[in-house]
């Protein structure tokens, strides 16, 4: 792919902590981000589970949504996940891409390659794996039969299910009930996003779209 590692690393902020305090009010129209953060991270009352506004003023601006010059060279509609950089891009027409901050779990760090979005779900049901239940039976055991979608669900507001060769890769791009994890490496899970951002990506990404996962 046409991704320049040197250019990409030089162009990406490296402060990945999700809780750095920033002056309140400076993000209403954040520089050249291309978005009004007070609008895109505001309350979303039209959801099946109304989503409260996100306190983006207390979030490191490096993990907030931004429209950038496309660094990937991929065709429009392609999603590129850079796990080591904690960044996800969806390529747009006209040479731009929307960049999102992500959190990456162990499964996400270990899996690389190309896949397709096989299907998408709003407020998906979550079922912990056997290893997750064994590791934390008190927390995960009660949900062995599945947790309904909602604000407390670990998959968050949306999920996109990735398949390879017609088979489920077990790799997911999804929201989170723990927004402080965005920008970090976590002990479990695939690729997680702010709920506001995963809703935006869900609306932009088509079923059948190519997803490229790289380190």
N, C-alpha and C. Protein backbone atom coordinates (compact mmCIF):
# COMPACT_ATOMS: atom_id res chain seq x y z
N UNK A 1 0.84 -1.19 0.00
CA UNK A 1 0.00 0.00 0.00
C UNK A 1 0.87 1.24 0.00
N UNK A 2 0.31 2.38 -0.28
CA UNK A 2 1.10 3.58 -0.44
C UNK A 2 1.33 4.34 0.84
N UNK A 3 1.46 3.67 1.97
CA UNK A 3 1.59 4.32 3.24
C UNK A 3 3.05 4.58 3.55
N UNK A 4 3.41 5.83 3.76
CA UNK A 4 4.78 6.17 4.11
C UNK A 4 4.91 6.18 5.62
N UNK A 5 5.65 5.21 6.16
CA UNK A 5 5.78 5.11 7.61
C UNK A 5 6.41 6.37 8.20
N UNK A 6 7.48 6.83 7.56
CA UNK A 6 8.17 8.00 8.10
C UNK A 6 7.26 9.22 8.11
N UNK A 7 6.54 9.42 6.99
CA UNK A 7 5.65 10.58 6.93
C UNK A 7 4.51 10.44 7.91
N UNK A 8 4.00 9.21 8.06
CA UNK A 8 2.87 9.01 8.94
C UNK A 8 3.27 9.24 10.39
N UNK A 9 4.39 8.65 10.79
CA UNK A 9 4.81 8.80 12.17
C UNK A 9 5.11 10.26 12.48
N UNK A 10 5.73 10.95 11.53
CA UNK A 10 6.06 12.36 11.76
C UNK A 10 4.81 13.21 11.88
N UNK A 11 3.77 12.80 11.19
CA UNK A 11 2.56 13.61 11.17
C UNK A 11 1.57 13.29 12.25
N UNK A 12 1.82 12.24 13.04
CA UNK A 12 0.86 11.84 14.06
C UNK A 12 1.32 12.30 15.42
N UNK A 13 0.42 12.89 16.22
CA UNK A 13 0.78 13.18 17.61
C UNK A 13 1.02 11.87 18.34
N UNK A 14 2.01 11.88 19.21
CA UNK A 14 2.37 10.65 19.89
C UNK A 14 1.85 10.60 21.33
N UNK A 15 1.19 11.66 21.78
CA UNK A 15 0.62 11.65 23.12
C UNK A 15 -0.68 10.89 23.08
N UNK A 16 -0.65 9.65 23.56
CA UNK A 16 -1.79 8.77 23.39
C UNK A 16 -2.66 8.66 24.63
N UNK A 17 -2.30 9.28 25.73
CA UNK A 17 -3.14 9.18 26.91
C UNK A 17 -4.49 9.80 26.65
N UNK A 18 -5.57 9.19 27.16
CA UNK A 18 -6.91 9.64 26.84
C UNK A 18 -7.46 10.61 27.87
N UNK A 19 -6.66 11.03 28.86
CA UNK A 19 -7.22 11.83 29.94
C UNK A 19 -6.47 13.13 30.17
N UNK A 20 -5.60 13.55 29.26
CA UNK A 20 -4.85 14.78 29.47
C UNK A 20 -5.80 15.96 29.51
N UNK A 21 -5.71 16.77 30.54
CA UNK A 21 -6.61 17.91 30.68
C UNK A 21 -6.24 19.00 29.68
N UNK A 22 -7.23 19.55 29.00
CA UNK A 22 -7.03 20.60 28.02
C UNK A 22 -7.93 21.76 28.38
N UNK A 23 -7.56 23.00 28.01
CA UNK A 23 -8.40 24.15 28.33
C UNK A 23 -9.80 24.00 27.76
N UNK A 24 -10.81 24.15 28.61
CA UNK A 24 -12.19 24.01 28.19
C UNK A 24 -12.54 25.07 27.16
N UNK A 25 -13.27 24.66 26.13
CA UNK A 25 -13.75 25.60 25.14
C UNK A 25 -12.88 25.72 23.91
N UNK A 26 -11.67 25.12 23.94
CA UNK A 26 -10.78 25.33 22.80
C UNK A 26 -11.10 24.41 21.63
N UNK A 27 -12.05 23.46 21.83
CA UNK A 27 -12.31 22.46 20.80
C UNK A 27 -13.60 22.70 20.01
N UNK A 28 -14.36 23.76 20.27
CA UNK A 28 -15.65 23.92 19.60
C UNK A 28 -15.50 23.78 18.09
N UNK A 29 -14.48 24.35 17.52
CA UNK A 29 -14.09 24.12 16.14
C UNK A 29 -12.57 23.97 16.17
N UNK A 30 -12.13 22.74 16.32
CA UNK A 30 -10.75 22.47 16.68
C UNK A 30 -9.83 22.63 15.47
N UNK A 31 -9.15 23.79 15.41
CA UNK A 31 -8.12 24.00 14.40
C UNK A 31 -8.55 23.57 13.02
N UNK A 32 -7.75 22.68 12.42
CA UNK A 32 -8.02 22.21 11.07
C UNK A 32 -8.61 20.80 11.08
N UNK A 33 -9.30 20.43 12.16
CA UNK A 33 -9.83 19.08 12.27
C UNK A 33 -10.92 18.81 11.23
N UNK A 34 -11.60 19.86 10.78
CA UNK A 34 -12.70 19.68 9.83
C UNK A 34 -14.03 19.41 10.50
N UNK A 35 -14.07 19.40 11.84
CA UNK A 35 -15.30 19.09 12.56
C UNK A 35 -15.52 20.08 13.70
N UNK A 36 -16.78 20.32 14.02
CA UNK A 36 -17.14 21.05 15.23
C UNK A 36 -17.32 20.02 16.33
N UNK A 37 -16.41 19.97 17.28
CA UNK A 37 -16.46 18.93 18.30
C UNK A 37 -17.65 19.07 19.22
N UNK A 38 -18.10 20.30 19.45
CA UNK A 38 -19.28 20.46 20.29
C UNK A 38 -20.50 19.82 19.65
N UNK A 39 -20.49 19.70 18.32
CA UNK A 39 -21.61 19.06 17.62
C UNK A 39 -21.42 17.56 17.52
N UNK A 40 -20.26 17.12 17.04
CA UNK A 40 -20.10 15.68 16.78
C UNK A 40 -19.98 14.86 18.05
N UNK A 41 -19.54 15.49 19.14
CA UNK A 41 -19.45 14.77 20.41
C UNK A 41 -20.55 15.18 21.38
N UNK A 42 -21.61 15.78 20.85
CA UNK A 42 -22.74 16.17 21.67
C UNK A 42 -23.67 15.00 21.93
N UNK A 43 -24.70 15.23 22.74
CA UNK A 43 -25.67 14.19 23.06
C UNK A 43 -26.37 13.70 21.79
N UNK A 44 -26.64 12.41 21.73
CA UNK A 44 -27.36 11.82 20.61
C UNK A 44 -28.62 11.14 21.18
N UNK A 45 -29.68 11.93 21.23
CA UNK A 45 -30.91 11.48 21.87
C UNK A 45 -31.75 10.58 20.98
N UNK A 46 -31.41 10.51 19.70
CA UNK A 46 -32.21 9.71 18.77
C UNK A 46 -31.77 8.25 18.74
N UNK A 47 -30.82 7.87 19.57
CA UNK A 47 -30.34 6.50 19.61
C UNK A 47 -31.28 5.61 20.42
N UNK A 48 -31.22 4.30 20.14
CA UNK A 48 -32.01 3.34 20.92
C UNK A 48 -31.66 3.44 22.40
N UNK A 49 -30.40 3.74 22.67
CA UNK A 49 -29.93 4.01 24.03
C UNK A 49 -29.31 5.41 23.98
N UNK A 50 -30.08 6.45 24.33
CA UNK A 50 -29.60 7.82 24.18
C UNK A 50 -28.19 8.00 24.72
N UNK A 51 -27.34 8.57 23.88
CA UNK A 51 -25.91 8.70 24.19
C UNK A 51 -25.65 10.09 24.75
N UNK A 52 -25.13 10.19 25.96
CA UNK A 52 -24.84 11.51 26.52
C UNK A 52 -23.67 12.18 25.81
N UNK A 53 -23.58 13.48 25.96
CA UNK A 53 -22.46 14.22 25.38
C UNK A 53 -21.15 13.73 25.98
N UNK A 54 -20.11 13.73 25.15
CA UNK A 54 -18.78 13.33 25.60
C UNK A 54 -18.02 14.55 26.07
N UNK A 55 -17.34 14.45 27.19
CA UNK A 55 -16.56 15.57 27.72
C UNK A 55 -15.21 15.63 27.00
N UNK A 56 -15.25 16.06 25.73
CA UNK A 56 -14.05 16.05 24.91
C UNK A 56 -13.00 17.03 25.38
N UNK A 57 -13.37 18.01 26.19
CA UNK A 57 -12.40 18.99 26.69
C UNK A 57 -11.41 18.35 27.65
N UNK A 58 -11.73 17.16 28.17
CA UNK A 58 -10.82 16.45 29.06
C UNK A 58 -10.14 15.28 28.37
N UNK A 59 -10.18 15.27 27.04
CA UNK A 59 -9.59 14.18 26.26
C UNK A 59 -8.43 14.73 25.44
N UNK A 60 -7.35 13.98 25.37
CA UNK A 60 -6.22 14.37 24.56
C UNK A 60 -6.69 14.57 23.12
N UNK A 61 -6.42 15.73 22.54
CA UNK A 61 -6.89 16.02 21.19
C UNK A 61 -6.32 15.06 20.15
N UNK A 62 -5.23 14.34 20.49
CA UNK A 62 -4.63 13.40 19.54
C UNK A 62 -5.56 12.26 19.19
N UNK A 63 -6.54 11.93 20.04
CA UNK A 63 -7.41 10.79 19.77
C UNK A 63 -8.79 11.23 19.30
N UNK A 64 -9.00 12.52 19.10
CA UNK A 64 -10.28 13.00 18.61
C UNK A 64 -10.34 12.92 17.08
N UNK A 65 -11.56 12.86 16.58
CA UNK A 65 -11.79 12.71 15.14
C UNK A 65 -11.19 13.90 14.37
N UNK A 66 -10.62 13.59 13.22
CA UNK A 66 -9.98 14.64 12.41
C UNK A 66 -10.02 14.24 10.93
N UNK A 67 -10.27 15.20 10.08
CA UNK A 67 -10.15 14.97 8.63
C UNK A 67 -8.74 15.37 8.22
N UNK A 68 -8.04 14.45 7.53
CA UNK A 68 -6.63 14.67 7.19
C UNK A 68 -6.41 14.33 5.72
N UNK A 69 -5.25 14.73 5.22
CA UNK A 69 -4.83 14.28 3.90
C UNK A 69 -4.61 12.77 3.97
N UNK A 70 -5.16 12.03 3.02
CA UNK A 70 -5.08 10.58 3.06
C UNK A 70 -3.63 10.11 3.04
N UNK A 71 -3.17 9.39 4.08
CA UNK A 71 -1.79 8.90 4.09
C UNK A 71 -1.66 7.47 3.58
N UNK A 72 -2.77 6.85 3.14
CA UNK A 72 -2.75 5.41 2.88
C UNK A 72 -2.58 5.04 1.42
N UNK A 73 -3.08 5.86 0.49
CA UNK A 73 -3.04 5.51 -0.92
C UNK A 73 -4.07 4.48 -1.32
N UNK A 74 -5.00 4.13 -0.41
CA UNK A 74 -6.03 3.14 -0.71
C UNK A 74 -7.25 3.82 -1.35
N UNK A 75 -8.11 3.01 -1.97
CA UNK A 75 -9.27 3.57 -2.65
C UNK A 75 -10.32 4.02 -1.63
N UNK A 76 -11.16 4.98 -2.02
CA UNK A 76 -12.20 5.47 -1.11
C UNK A 76 -13.08 4.33 -0.58
N UNK A 77 -13.42 4.45 0.68
CA UNK A 77 -14.23 3.44 1.35
C UNK A 77 -13.43 2.41 2.11
N UNK A 78 -12.11 2.36 1.85
CA UNK A 78 -11.23 1.41 2.55
C UNK A 78 -10.96 1.90 3.96
N UNK A 79 -10.94 0.96 4.90
CA UNK A 79 -10.58 1.27 6.28
C UNK A 79 -9.17 0.72 6.54
N UNK A 80 -8.31 1.55 7.09
CA UNK A 80 -6.94 1.15 7.43
C UNK A 80 -6.75 1.34 8.93
N UNK A 81 -6.38 0.26 9.61
CA UNK A 81 -6.15 0.28 11.05
C UNK A 81 -4.66 0.11 11.31
N UNK A 82 -4.06 1.07 11.99
CA UNK A 82 -2.65 0.99 12.38
C UNK A 82 -2.62 0.74 13.89
N UNK A 83 -2.44 -0.52 14.26
CA UNK A 83 -2.59 -0.87 15.66
C UNK A 83 -1.53 -0.24 16.55
N UNK A 84 -0.29 -0.17 16.09
CA UNK A 84 0.77 0.37 16.93
C UNK A 84 0.61 1.87 17.14
N UNK A 85 -0.02 2.55 16.18
CA UNK A 85 -0.23 3.99 16.30
C UNK A 85 -1.57 4.32 16.97
N UNK A 86 -2.41 3.31 17.18
CA UNK A 86 -3.75 3.50 17.76
C UNK A 86 -4.56 4.48 16.91
N UNK A 87 -4.55 4.22 15.59
CA UNK A 87 -5.27 5.08 14.66
C UNK A 87 -6.06 4.24 13.66
N UNK A 88 -7.19 4.73 13.26
CA UNK A 88 -8.00 4.11 12.21
C UNK A 88 -8.36 5.19 11.21
N UNK A 89 -8.24 4.87 9.92
CA UNK A 89 -8.58 5.79 8.84
C UNK A 89 -9.67 5.18 7.96
N UNK A 90 -10.61 5.99 7.52
CA UNK A 90 -11.48 5.59 6.42
C UNK A 90 -11.23 6.58 5.30
N UNK A 91 -10.89 6.04 4.13
CA UNK A 91 -10.47 6.87 3.00
C UNK A 91 -11.69 7.48 2.31
N UNK A 92 -11.59 8.76 1.99
CA UNK A 92 -12.65 9.49 1.31
C UNK A 92 -12.24 9.80 -0.12
N UNK A 93 -13.19 10.25 -0.91
CA UNK A 93 -12.87 10.75 -2.24
C UNK A 93 -12.15 12.09 -2.12
N UNK A 94 -11.36 12.42 -3.12
CA UNK A 94 -10.71 13.73 -3.13
C UNK A 94 -9.42 13.81 -2.35
N UNK A 95 -8.87 12.66 -1.95
CA UNK A 95 -7.56 12.67 -1.31
C UNK A 95 -7.55 12.90 0.18
N UNK A 96 -8.70 12.76 0.84
CA UNK A 96 -8.75 12.94 2.29
C UNK A 96 -9.16 11.63 2.97
N UNK A 97 -9.00 11.61 4.26
CA UNK A 97 -9.44 10.48 5.08
C UNK A 97 -9.91 11.03 6.42
N UNK A 98 -10.83 10.32 7.04
CA UNK A 98 -11.21 10.64 8.41
C UNK A 98 -10.40 9.74 9.33
N UNK A 99 -9.72 10.37 10.29
CA UNK A 99 -8.87 9.65 11.23
C UNK A 99 -9.53 9.62 12.60
N UNK A 100 -9.52 8.46 13.22
CA UNK A 100 -10.07 8.29 14.56
C UNK A 100 -9.02 7.70 15.48
N UNK A 101 -9.06 8.09 16.74
CA UNK A 101 -8.27 7.40 17.75
C UNK A 101 -8.97 6.10 18.13
N UNK A 102 -8.18 5.08 18.45
CA UNK A 102 -8.73 3.78 18.82
C UNK A 102 -8.01 3.23 20.04
N UNK A 103 -8.63 2.28 20.70
CA UNK A 103 -7.97 1.45 21.69
C UNK A 103 -7.83 0.06 21.09
N UNK A 104 -6.75 -0.63 21.38
CA UNK A 104 -6.50 -1.93 20.76
C UNK A 104 -6.26 -2.97 21.85
N UNK A 105 -7.08 -4.03 21.81
CA UNK A 105 -6.91 -5.13 22.75
C UNK A 105 -5.92 -6.15 22.25
N UNK A 106 -5.68 -7.18 23.06
CA UNK A 106 -4.70 -8.20 22.72
C UNK A 106 -5.01 -8.85 21.37
N UNK A 107 -6.31 -9.17 21.15
CA UNK A 107 -6.69 -9.80 19.88
C UNK A 107 -6.37 -8.89 18.70
N UNK A 108 -6.60 -7.59 18.89
CA UNK A 108 -6.32 -6.64 17.83
C UNK A 108 -4.85 -6.50 17.53
N UNK A 109 -4.01 -6.55 18.57
CA UNK A 109 -2.58 -6.42 18.37
C UNK A 109 -1.99 -7.64 17.66
N UNK A 110 -2.60 -8.80 17.86
CA UNK A 110 -2.04 -10.04 17.32
C UNK A 110 -2.48 -10.33 15.89
N UNK A 111 -3.55 -9.69 15.44
CA UNK A 111 -4.12 -10.03 14.14
C UNK A 111 -3.75 -8.96 13.11
N UNK A 112 -3.26 -9.39 11.96
CA UNK A 112 -2.91 -8.47 10.88
C UNK A 112 -3.43 -9.05 9.57
N UNK A 113 -3.67 -8.20 8.60
CA UNK A 113 -4.09 -8.69 7.29
C UNK A 113 -5.23 -7.90 6.70
N UNK A 114 -5.88 -8.49 5.71
CA UNK A 114 -7.01 -7.86 5.01
C UNK A 114 -8.29 -8.65 5.29
N UNK A 115 -9.37 -7.93 5.42
CA UNK A 115 -10.66 -8.56 5.66
C UNK A 115 -11.75 -7.72 5.01
N UNK A 116 -12.96 -8.20 5.12
CA UNK A 116 -14.13 -7.48 4.62
C UNK A 116 -15.13 -7.31 5.76
N UNK A 117 -15.85 -6.20 5.74
CA UNK A 117 -16.97 -6.05 6.68
C UNK A 117 -18.10 -6.94 6.19
N UNK A 118 -18.39 -8.00 6.93
CA UNK A 118 -19.44 -8.94 6.53
C UNK A 118 -20.82 -8.45 6.94
N UNK A 119 -20.90 -7.87 8.13
CA UNK A 119 -22.16 -7.27 8.56
C UNK A 119 -21.89 -6.28 9.67
N UNK A 120 -22.88 -5.47 9.97
CA UNK A 120 -22.77 -4.43 10.97
C UNK A 120 -23.96 -4.55 11.92
N UNK A 121 -23.79 -4.07 13.14
CA UNK A 121 -24.87 -4.15 14.12
C UNK A 121 -24.93 -2.88 14.95
N UNK A 122 -26.14 -2.43 15.22
CA UNK A 122 -26.37 -1.32 16.14
C UNK A 122 -26.62 -1.87 17.53
N UNK A 123 -25.98 -1.30 18.52
CA UNK A 123 -26.10 -1.72 19.92
C UNK A 123 -26.06 -3.25 20.02
N UNK A 124 -24.92 -3.83 19.62
CA UNK A 124 -24.80 -5.30 19.51
C UNK A 124 -24.81 -6.00 20.87
N UNK A 125 -25.19 -7.25 20.83
CA UNK A 125 -25.14 -8.11 21.99
C UNK A 125 -23.70 -8.58 22.20
N UNK A 126 -23.27 -8.67 23.44
CA UNK A 126 -21.90 -9.10 23.76
C UNK A 126 -21.93 -10.39 24.56
N UNK A 127 -21.09 -11.35 24.16
CA UNK A 127 -20.96 -12.60 24.89
C UNK A 127 -19.49 -12.82 25.22
N UNK A 128 -19.11 -12.87 26.49
CA UNK A 128 -17.70 -13.07 26.84
C UNK A 128 -17.22 -14.45 26.42
N UNK A 129 -15.95 -14.54 26.06
CA UNK A 129 -15.36 -15.83 25.69
C UNK A 129 -15.11 -16.65 26.96
N UNK A 130 -14.84 -17.94 26.76
CA UNK A 130 -14.56 -18.81 27.90
C UNK A 130 -13.34 -18.34 28.68
N UNK A 131 -12.33 -17.84 27.96
CA UNK A 131 -11.12 -17.36 28.64
C UNK A 131 -11.40 -16.10 29.46
N UNK A 132 -12.27 -15.24 28.96
CA UNK A 132 -12.64 -14.04 29.70
C UNK A 132 -13.40 -14.40 30.97
N UNK A 133 -14.28 -15.40 30.88
CA UNK A 133 -15.02 -15.82 32.06
C UNK A 133 -14.09 -16.45 33.09
N UNK A 134 -13.14 -17.26 32.60
CA UNK A 134 -12.18 -17.89 33.51
C UNK A 134 -11.31 -16.85 34.20
N UNK A 135 -10.92 -15.80 33.45
CA UNK A 135 -10.05 -14.77 34.00
C UNK A 135 -10.77 -13.90 35.02
N UNK A 136 -12.05 -13.64 34.79
CA UNK A 136 -12.80 -12.77 35.69
C UNK A 136 -14.23 -13.29 35.82
N UNK A 137 -14.39 -14.41 36.52
CA UNK A 137 -15.71 -15.04 36.60
C UNK A 137 -16.76 -14.16 37.29
N UNK A 138 -16.35 -13.36 38.24
CA UNK A 138 -17.32 -12.53 38.96
C UNK A 138 -17.95 -11.49 38.05
N UNK A 139 -17.13 -10.87 37.20
CA UNK A 139 -17.62 -9.82 36.31
C UNK A 139 -18.26 -10.40 35.06
N UNK A 140 -17.60 -11.38 34.45
CA UNK A 140 -18.04 -11.88 33.14
C UNK A 140 -18.96 -13.09 33.20
N UNK A 141 -18.87 -13.86 34.27
CA UNK A 141 -19.67 -15.06 34.38
C UNK A 141 -21.17 -14.85 34.22
N UNK A 142 -21.74 -13.81 34.83
CA UNK A 142 -23.19 -13.60 34.71
C UNK A 142 -23.66 -13.37 33.28
N UNK A 143 -22.73 -13.03 32.38
CA UNK A 143 -23.11 -12.72 31.00
C UNK A 143 -22.72 -13.84 30.03
N UNK A 144 -22.53 -15.05 30.56
CA UNK A 144 -22.16 -16.17 29.70
C UNK A 144 -23.17 -16.40 28.59
N UNK A 145 -24.42 -16.06 28.85
CA UNK A 145 -25.47 -16.21 27.83
C UNK A 145 -25.64 -14.98 26.97
N UNK A 146 -24.83 -13.93 27.21
CA UNK A 146 -24.91 -12.72 26.39
C UNK A 146 -25.47 -11.54 27.15
N UNK A 147 -24.92 -10.37 26.88
CA UNK A 147 -25.40 -9.12 27.47
C UNK A 147 -26.12 -8.31 26.38
N UNK A 148 -27.34 -7.86 26.64
CA UNK A 148 -28.04 -7.05 25.64
C UNK A 148 -27.30 -5.74 25.38
N UNK A 149 -27.56 -5.16 24.22
CA UNK A 149 -26.93 -3.89 23.88
C UNK A 149 -27.33 -2.80 24.85
N UNK A 150 -26.44 -1.83 25.04
CA UNK A 150 -26.70 -0.72 25.94
C UNK A 150 -25.43 0.00 26.30
N UNK A 151 -25.55 1.04 27.09
CA UNK A 151 -24.40 1.88 27.43
C UNK A 151 -23.35 1.14 28.25
N UNK A 152 -23.74 0.07 28.96
CA UNK A 152 -22.79 -0.68 29.76
C UNK A 152 -22.18 -1.86 29.00
N UNK A 153 -22.64 -2.09 27.78
CA UNK A 153 -22.15 -3.21 26.98
C UNK A 153 -20.74 -2.92 26.46
N UNK A 154 -19.79 -3.85 26.60
CA UNK A 154 -18.41 -3.61 26.16
C UNK A 154 -18.26 -3.34 24.67
N UNK A 155 -19.24 -3.76 23.83
CA UNK A 155 -19.15 -3.51 22.40
C UNK A 155 -19.68 -2.12 22.02
N UNK A 156 -20.27 -1.44 22.96
CA UNK A 156 -20.70 -0.07 22.71
C UNK A 156 -21.85 0.04 21.74
N UNK A 157 -21.87 1.18 21.04
CA UNK A 157 -23.03 1.55 20.22
C UNK A 157 -23.10 0.83 18.88
N UNK A 158 -21.98 0.38 18.35
CA UNK A 158 -21.97 -0.25 17.04
C UNK A 158 -20.86 -1.31 17.01
N UNK A 159 -21.02 -2.27 16.11
CA UNK A 159 -19.96 -3.24 15.85
C UNK A 159 -19.94 -3.56 14.37
N UNK A 160 -18.74 -3.74 13.83
CA UNK A 160 -18.52 -4.17 12.46
C UNK A 160 -17.73 -5.47 12.50
N UNK A 161 -18.27 -6.51 11.87
CA UNK A 161 -17.75 -7.87 11.98
C UNK A 161 -16.94 -8.19 10.72
N UNK A 162 -15.69 -8.59 10.92
CA UNK A 162 -14.76 -8.77 9.81
C UNK A 162 -14.59 -10.25 9.47
N UNK A 163 -14.71 -10.55 8.18
CA UNK A 163 -14.56 -11.91 7.68
C UNK A 163 -13.39 -11.97 6.69
N UNK A 164 -12.76 -13.14 6.62
CA UNK A 164 -11.74 -13.43 5.63
C UNK A 164 -12.12 -14.70 4.89
N UNK A 165 -12.13 -14.65 3.57
CA UNK A 165 -12.47 -15.82 2.79
C UNK A 165 -13.83 -16.38 3.12
N UNK A 166 -14.76 -15.51 3.48
CA UNK A 166 -16.10 -15.94 3.82
C UNK A 166 -16.26 -16.48 5.22
N UNK A 167 -15.20 -16.46 6.02
CA UNK A 167 -15.25 -16.98 7.38
C UNK A 167 -15.02 -15.87 8.40
N UNK A 168 -15.67 -16.01 9.52
CA UNK A 168 -15.53 -15.03 10.59
C UNK A 168 -14.10 -15.03 11.11
N UNK A 169 -13.46 -13.88 11.10
CA UNK A 169 -12.10 -13.76 11.61
C UNK A 169 -12.07 -13.59 13.13
N UNK A 170 -13.25 -13.41 13.74
CA UNK A 170 -13.38 -13.09 15.17
C UNK A 170 -12.85 -11.71 15.50
N UNK A 171 -12.58 -10.91 14.47
CA UNK A 171 -12.05 -9.56 14.64
C UNK A 171 -13.20 -8.57 14.49
N UNK A 172 -13.26 -7.61 15.41
CA UNK A 172 -14.35 -6.65 15.42
C UNK A 172 -13.80 -5.22 15.53
N UNK A 173 -14.51 -4.30 14.92
CA UNK A 173 -14.34 -2.88 15.20
C UNK A 173 -15.61 -2.47 15.93
N UNK A 174 -15.47 -1.89 17.11
CA UNK A 174 -16.67 -1.67 17.92
C UNK A 174 -16.51 -0.46 18.83
N UNK A 175 -17.59 -0.08 19.48
CA UNK A 175 -17.56 1.00 20.46
C UNK A 175 -17.02 0.50 21.79
N UNK A 176 -17.22 1.30 22.83
CA UNK A 176 -16.71 0.91 24.14
C UNK A 176 -17.54 1.54 25.25
N UNK A 177 -17.59 0.85 26.38
CA UNK A 177 -18.19 1.43 27.58
C UNK A 177 -17.11 2.00 28.49
N UNK A 178 -15.87 2.07 27.99
CA UNK A 178 -14.74 2.57 28.76
C UNK A 178 -13.94 3.54 27.89
N UNK A 179 -14.44 4.77 27.71
CA UNK A 179 -13.79 5.71 26.78
C UNK A 179 -12.35 6.06 27.13
N UNK A 180 -11.95 5.90 28.39
CA UNK A 180 -10.56 6.20 28.77
C UNK A 180 -9.57 5.23 28.12
N UNK A 181 -10.07 4.14 27.54
CA UNK A 181 -9.18 3.17 26.90
C UNK A 181 -8.74 3.60 25.51
N UNK A 182 -9.37 4.62 24.94
CA UNK A 182 -9.03 5.04 23.59
C UNK A 182 -7.63 5.66 23.58
N UNK A 183 -6.80 5.16 22.67
CA UNK A 183 -5.40 5.58 22.61
C UNK A 183 -4.46 4.64 23.33
N UNK A 184 -5.04 3.59 23.94
CA UNK A 184 -4.23 2.69 24.75
C UNK A 184 -4.26 1.25 24.23
N UNK A 185 -3.34 0.43 24.72
CA UNK A 185 -3.37 -1.01 24.49
C UNK A 185 -4.04 -1.65 25.69
N UNK A 186 -5.01 -2.54 25.44
CA UNK A 186 -5.79 -3.15 26.51
C UNK A 186 -5.52 -4.65 26.58
N UNK A 187 -6.04 -5.28 27.63
CA UNK A 187 -5.77 -6.70 27.85
C UNK A 187 -6.65 -7.60 26.98
N UNK A 188 -7.77 -7.09 26.50
CA UNK A 188 -8.66 -7.92 25.70
C UNK A 188 -9.41 -7.06 24.70
N UNK A 189 -10.06 -7.72 23.75
CA UNK A 189 -10.85 -7.00 22.75
C UNK A 189 -10.09 -6.82 21.45
N UNK A 190 -10.78 -6.25 20.48
CA UNK A 190 -10.20 -6.02 19.15
C UNK A 190 -9.86 -4.54 19.00
N UNK A 191 -10.62 -3.83 18.18
CA UNK A 191 -10.42 -2.39 17.99
C UNK A 191 -11.64 -1.66 18.53
N UNK A 192 -11.42 -0.82 19.51
CA UNK A 192 -12.52 -0.09 20.12
C UNK A 192 -12.41 1.39 19.82
N UNK A 193 -13.56 2.06 19.78
CA UNK A 193 -13.63 3.48 19.45
C UNK A 193 -14.59 4.17 20.42
N UNK A 194 -14.46 5.51 20.52
CA UNK A 194 -15.50 6.25 21.22
C UNK A 194 -16.85 5.91 20.59
N UNK A 195 -17.89 5.81 21.39
CA UNK A 195 -19.21 5.51 20.82
C UNK A 195 -19.63 6.52 19.76
N UNK A 196 -19.35 7.80 19.99
CA UNK A 196 -19.70 8.82 18.99
C UNK A 196 -18.96 8.55 17.67
N UNK A 197 -17.71 8.12 17.77
CA UNK A 197 -16.92 7.88 16.56
C UNK A 197 -17.32 6.60 15.85
N UNK A 198 -17.64 5.54 16.61
CA UNK A 198 -18.01 4.30 15.95
C UNK A 198 -19.36 4.44 15.25
N UNK A 199 -20.23 5.28 15.77
CA UNK A 199 -21.49 5.56 15.07
C UNK A 199 -21.19 6.26 13.75
N UNK A 200 -20.26 7.20 13.77
CA UNK A 200 -19.88 7.92 12.55
C UNK A 200 -19.26 6.97 11.53
N UNK A 201 -18.34 6.10 12.00
CA UNK A 201 -17.71 5.14 11.09
C UNK A 201 -18.74 4.17 10.53
N UNK A 202 -19.65 3.71 11.35
CA UNK A 202 -20.71 2.79 10.92
C UNK A 202 -21.49 3.38 9.75
N UNK A 203 -21.78 4.68 9.85
CA UNK A 203 -22.56 5.33 8.79
C UNK A 203 -21.75 5.54 7.52
N UNK A 204 -20.43 5.64 7.63
CA UNK A 204 -19.57 5.86 6.46
C UNK A 204 -19.17 4.55 5.79
N UNK A 205 -19.05 3.46 6.56
CA UNK A 205 -18.50 2.21 6.05
C UNK A 205 -19.60 1.33 5.49
N UNK A 206 -19.36 0.76 4.32
CA UNK A 206 -20.32 -0.13 3.67
C UNK A 206 -20.02 -1.58 4.02
N UNK A 207 -21.08 -2.39 4.08
CA UNK A 207 -20.88 -3.84 4.15
C UNK A 207 -20.13 -4.25 2.87
N UNK A 208 -19.11 -5.06 3.02
CA UNK A 208 -18.26 -5.46 1.91
C UNK A 208 -17.00 -4.62 1.78
N UNK A 209 -16.89 -3.55 2.55
CA UNK A 209 -15.71 -2.69 2.48
C UNK A 209 -14.46 -3.46 2.93
N UNK A 210 -13.32 -3.11 2.32
CA UNK A 210 -12.04 -3.71 2.69
C UNK A 210 -11.51 -3.05 3.95
N UNK A 211 -11.02 -3.88 4.87
CA UNK A 211 -10.36 -3.41 6.08
C UNK A 211 -8.94 -3.96 6.10
N UNK A 212 -7.97 -3.08 6.25
CA UNK A 212 -6.56 -3.47 6.28
C UNK A 212 -6.04 -3.19 7.68
N UNK A 213 -5.53 -4.23 8.33
CA UNK A 213 -4.99 -4.09 9.67
C UNK A 213 -3.49 -4.27 9.62
N UNK A 214 -2.75 -3.27 10.10
CA UNK A 214 -1.30 -3.31 10.10
C UNK A 214 -0.78 -2.88 11.45
N UNK A 215 0.47 -3.20 11.71
CA UNK A 215 1.13 -2.78 12.95
C UNK A 215 1.39 -1.28 12.90
